[in-house]
Amino acid sequence: MSLDAADITTAIALVLIIEGMLPFLSPTVWRDTFERLVRMSDGQIRFFGLSSMLVGLVVLLFLC
């Protein structure tokens, strides 16, 4: 399986669409969540980021 520029562009576009859904549909919830995120320590944010990457990797492995 090879990735070309169209695949990468599509993936980035999908990420932007998904990321934009919560602030568009419920800006109050998004703002509250963002405020809680700002109050987290660096270690907590890194753990959240690592967890998100691992879940994404597992999903990719199951789909491909």
C-alpha atoms as a PDB file:
ATOM      1  CA  MET A   1       0.000   0.000   0.000  1.00  0.00           C
ATOM      2  CA  SER A   2       1.405   3.362  -0.976  1.00  0.00           C
ATOM      3  CA  LEU A   3       0.267   6.825  -0.072  1.00  0.00           C
ATOM      4  CA  ASP A   4       0.229   9.618  -2.575  1.00  0.00           C
ATOM      5  CA  ALA A   5      -0.407  13.328  -2.158  1.00  0.00           C
ATOM      6  CA  ALA A   6      -4.146  12.905  -2.740  1.00  0.00           C
ATOM      7  CA  ASP A   7      -4.419  10.397   0.133  1.00  0.00           C
ATOM      8  CA  ILE A   8      -2.537  12.666   2.527  1.00  0.00           C
ATOM      9  CA  THR A   9      -4.599  15.682   1.488  1.00  0.00           C
ATOM     10  CA  THR A  10      -7.803  13.697   2.003  1.00  0.00           C
ATOM     11  CA  ALA A  11      -6.656  12.580   5.452  1.00  0.00           C
ATOM     12  CA  ILE A  12      -5.826  16.147   6.487  1.00  0.00           C
ATOM     13  CA  ALA A  13      -9.180  17.386   5.160  1.00  0.00           C
ATOM     14  CA  LEU A  14     -11.029  14.715   7.165  1.00  0.00           C
ATOM     15  CA  VAL A  15      -9.128  15.650  10.335  1.00  0.00           C
ATOM     16  CA  LEU A  16     -10.079  19.304   9.853  1.00  0.00           C
ATOM     17  CA  ILE A  17     -13.735  18.402   9.287  1.00  0.00           C
ATOM     18  CA  ILE A  18     -13.872  16.193  12.378  1.00  0.00           C
ATOM     19  CA  GLU A  19     -11.982  18.744  14.512  1.00  0.00           C
ATOM     20  CA  GLY A  20     -14.357  21.493  13.412  1.00  0.00           C
ATOM     21  CA  MET A  21     -17.558  19.620  14.252  1.00  0.00           C
ATOM     22  CA  LEU A  22     -17.585  20.193  18.030  1.00  0.00           C
ATOM     23  CA  PRO A  23     -16.919  23.954  17.993  1.00  0.00           C
ATOM     24  CA  PHE A  24     -19.525  24.350  15.259  1.00  0.00           C
ATOM     25  CA  LEU A  25     -22.220  22.180  16.862  1.00  0.00           C
ATOM     26  CA  SER A  26     -21.622  23.079  20.505  1.00  0.00           C
ATOM     27  CA  PRO A  27     -19.279  26.016  21.084  1.00  0.00           C
ATOM     28  CA  THR A  28     -20.006  26.157  24.834  1.00  0.00           C
ATOM     29  CA  VAL A  29     -18.950  22.538  25.376  1.00  0.00           C
ATOM     30  CA  TRP A  30     -15.873  23.091  23.202  1.00  0.00           C
ATOM     31  CA  ARG A  31     -14.893  26.216  25.177  1.00  0.00           C
ATOM     32  CA  ASP A  32     -15.335  24.428  28.527  1.00  0.00           C
ATOM     33  CA  THR A  33     -13.286  21.472  27.295  1.00  0.00           C
ATOM     34  CA  PHE A  34     -10.550  23.771  25.994  1.00  0.00           C
ATOM     35  CA  GLU A  35     -10.415  25.630  29.324  1.00  0.00           C
ATOM     36  CA  ARG A  36      -9.971  22.310  31.165  1.00  0.00           C
ATOM     37  CA  LEU A  37      -7.241  21.337  28.712  1.00  0.00           C
ATOM     38  CA  VAL A  38      -5.355  24.597  29.356  1.00  0.00           C
ATOM     39  CA  ARG A  39      -5.350  23.858  33.105  1.00  0.00           C
ATOM     40  CA  MET A  40      -3.776  20.379  32.602  1.00  0.00           C
ATOM     41  CA  SER A  41      -0.098  19.789  33.258  1.00  0.00           C
ATOM     42  CA  ASP A  42       2.296  19.064  30.388  1.00  0.00           C
ATOM     43  CA  GLY A  43       2.475  15.414  31.418  1.00  0.00           C
ATOM     44  CA  GLN A  44      -1.305  15.032  31.287  1.00  0.00           C
ATOM     45  CA  ILE A  45      -1.456  16.637  27.851  1.00  0.00           C
ATOM     46  CA  ARG A  46       1.356  14.395  26.588  1.00  0.00           C
ATOM     47  CA  PHE A  47      -0.428  11.318  27.937  1.00  0.00           C
ATOM     48  CA  PHE A  48      -3.640  12.375  26.168  1.00  0.00           C
ATOM     49  CA  GLY A  49      -1.723  12.946  22.919  1.00  0.00           C
ATOM     50  CA  LEU A  50       0.061   9.600  23.175  1.00  0.00           C
ATOM     51  CA  SER A  51      -3.223   7.818  23.915  1.00  0.00           C
ATOM     52  CA  SER A  52      -4.871   9.457  20.903  1.00  0.00           C
ATOM     53  CA  MET A  53      -2.000   8.439  18.627  1.00  0.00           C
ATOM     54  CA  LEU A  54      -2.069   4.841  19.866  1.00  0.00           C
ATOM     55  CA  VAL A  55      -5.837   4.548  19.394  1.00  0.00           C
ATOM     56  CA  GLY A  56      -5.473   5.972  15.875  1.00  0.00           C
ATOM     57  CA  LEU A  57      -2.687   3.515  15.112  1.00  0.00           C
ATOM     58  CA  VAL A  58      -4.751   0.555  16.315  1.00  0.00           C
ATOM     59  CA  VAL A  59      -7.724   1.695  14.225  1.00  0.00           C
ATOM     60  CA  LEU A  60      -5.469   2.015  11.158  1.00  0.00           C
ATOM     61  CA  LEU A  61      -4.016  -1.435  11.723  1.00  0.00           C
ATOM     62  CA  PHE A  62      -7.494  -2.968  11.886  1.00  0.00           C
ATOM     63  CA  LEU A  63      -8.746  -1.109   8.799  1.00  0.00           C
ATOM     64  CA  CYS A  64      -5.750  -1.695   6.534  1.00  0.00           C
END
